[in-house]
Protein backbone atom coordinates (compact mmCIF):
# COMPACT_ATOMS: atom_id res chain seq x y z
CA MET A 1 -72.94 27.73 -15.95
CA LYS A 2 -69.67 28.01 -14.60
CA HIS A 3 -70.17 26.36 -11.86
CA SER A 4 -72.29 22.79 -13.94
CA LEU A 5 -68.95 22.64 -15.88
CA LEU A 6 -66.79 22.71 -12.52
CA LEU A 7 -69.23 20.08 -11.01
CA ALA A 8 -68.81 17.75 -14.63
CA ALA A 9 -65.35 18.00 -14.25
CA LEU A 10 -65.61 16.98 -10.80
CA VAL A 11 -67.51 13.63 -11.53
CA ALA A 12 -65.71 12.84 -14.41
CA MET A 13 -62.78 13.03 -12.80
CA LEU A 14 -64.20 10.89 -9.83
CA GLY A 15 -65.71 8.34 -12.31
CA LEU A 16 -61.51 8.08 -13.88
CA THR A 17 -59.95 7.82 -11.04
CA ALA A 18 -62.50 5.00 -9.72
CA CYS A 19 -62.40 2.69 -12.67
CA GLU A 20 -58.12 2.23 -11.81
CA LYS A 21 -56.87 -0.67 -12.18
CA THR A 22 -53.51 -2.40 -10.57
CA THR A 23 -52.39 -5.75 -12.68
CA VAL A 24 -51.17 -8.61 -10.58
CA ALA A 25 -48.02 -10.56 -11.94
CA PRO A 26 -48.94 -14.81 -12.31
CA PRO A 27 -46.61 -16.59 -9.78
CA ALA A 28 -43.52 -17.27 -11.82
CA ALA A 29 -43.38 -20.81 -12.90
CA ALA A 30 -41.01 -23.93 -11.22
CA PRO A 31 -37.95 -24.27 -13.46
CA VAL A 32 -37.64 -27.47 -15.65
CA VAL A 33 -34.46 -29.79 -14.06
CA VAL A 34 -33.66 -32.18 -17.08
CA VAL A 35 -31.86 -34.97 -16.48
CA PRO A 36 -29.62 -36.47 -19.07
CA GLY A 37 -29.85 -39.62 -19.93
CA PRO A 38 -27.61 -42.76 -20.27
CA ALA A 39 -24.34 -43.36 -22.50
CA GLY A 40 -25.03 -43.69 -25.84
CA PRO A 41 -22.92 -47.25 -28.33
CA ALA A 42 -19.62 -45.77 -29.52
CA GLY A 43 -19.26 -44.59 -32.42
CA ALA A 44 -17.60 -46.16 -36.18
CA THR A 45 -13.48 -45.32 -36.59
CA GLY A 46 -12.89 -43.21 -38.57
CA ALA A 47 -10.96 -42.54 -41.47
CA THR A 48 -7.11 -42.18 -41.83
CA GLY A 49 -6.12 -38.97 -42.89
CA SER A 50 -3.96 -38.11 -45.27
CA THR A 51 0.00 -37.37 -44.83
CA GLY A 52 1.01 -34.05 -44.33
CA SER A 53 4.08 -32.25 -46.20
CA THR A 54 7.43 -33.16 -46.37
CA GLY A 55 9.12 -29.25 -44.56
CA SER A 56 11.81 -27.14 -46.31
CA THR A 57 15.71 -27.95 -45.76
CA VAL A 58 17.21 -25.81 -43.15
CA ALA A 59 21.19 -24.42 -43.28
CA VAL A 60 23.38 -25.15 -41.37
CA PRO A 61 25.20 -22.21 -40.16
CA GLY A 62 28.50 -21.66 -41.08
CA PRO A 63 31.66 -21.98 -38.05
CA THR A 64 31.75 -19.20 -35.70
CA GLY A 65 34.83 -15.98 -36.35
CA ALA A 66 37.37 -15.05 -33.92
CA THR A 67 37.59 -12.79 -31.14
CA GLY A 68 38.50 -9.40 -31.32
CA ALA A 69 41.64 -7.92 -29.74
CA THR A 70 41.02 -6.41 -26.28
CA GLY A 71 40.93 -2.79 -25.93
CA ALA A 72 43.73 -0.40 -24.33
CA THR A 73 43.60 0.05 -20.57
CA GLY A 74 42.54 3.83 -19.83
CA ASN A 75 44.99 6.01 -17.76
CA ASP A 76 44.00 6.59 -13.57
CA GLY A 77 42.54 9.72 -12.42
CA ALA A 78 45.12 12.37 -10.60
CA THR A 79 44.53 12.11 -7.39
CA GLY A 80 43.27 15.67 -5.80
CA SER A 81 44.82 17.92 -3.59
CA THR A 82 44.94 17.99 0.75
CA GLY A 83 43.00 20.74 2.50
CA SER A 84 44.88 23.14 4.46
CA THR A 85 45.30 22.19 8.32
CA GLY A 86 42.59 24.76 10.42
CA SER A 87 44.74 27.84 12.75
CA THR A 88 44.99 27.37 16.56
CA GLY A 89 42.21 28.94 18.64
CA TYR A 90 42.99 30.80 21.47
CA THR A 91 44.41 29.88 25.42
CA GLY A 92 41.51 31.44 27.48
CA ALA A 93 42.55 33.46 30.91
CA THR A 94 43.11 31.39 33.53
CA GLY A 95 40.25 32.67 36.49
CA ALA A 96 41.28 34.34 39.88
CA THR A 97 41.86 33.25 43.12
CA GLY A 98 38.86 33.00 45.96
CA ALA A 99 38.87 35.11 49.44
CA ASP A 100 39.44 32.53 52.04
CA GLY A 101 36.80 31.19 54.30
CA SER A 102 35.99 33.11 57.82
CA LYS A 103 36.96 31.06 61.42
CA GLY A 104 35.00 28.93 63.18
CA ASP A 105 34.53 29.17 66.53
CA THR A 106 36.04 26.69 68.79
CA GLY A 107 34.06 24.04 69.93
CA LYS A 108 33.41 24.23 74.27
CA THR A 109 33.65 21.31 76.04
CA GLY A 110 30.98 19.87 78.97
CA GLY A 111 27.89 21.60 77.57
CA ASP A 112 24.04 20.10 77.72
CA THR A 113 23.04 17.50 76.13
CA VAL A 114 19.34 17.18 74.45
CA VAL A 115 17.50 14.59 73.78
CA ILE A 116 14.79 14.95 71.48
CA VAL A 117 12.00 11.94 71.16
CA PRO A 118 9.49 11.44 68.47
CA GLN A 119 5.62 11.67 69.43
CA LYS A 120 3.54 9.17 68.95
């Protein structure tokens, strides 16, 4: 009984999946281009419109008033105090005089002359 139910379910599943159909969409139709025709005759002239109402009168402003008096000038600010001068630095000490060098030997006269010739 167990095997017959499993076998029946397997056959039913294979049968249903074999019936699957793919849907193919039809190709899109070419767009229709509408070309306008020639212009028609001019229409008749319309009726003349009615005259508009007159606007209200605008009041004219009065003359300009007198200019006000000029205000008083403010006081000048006080000048700040000058800073104090800094103190003078100390003078450094003078260094000691160096010792005299030793005297060289007196030159000799009539010695040999050595000539050095570089190699090629």
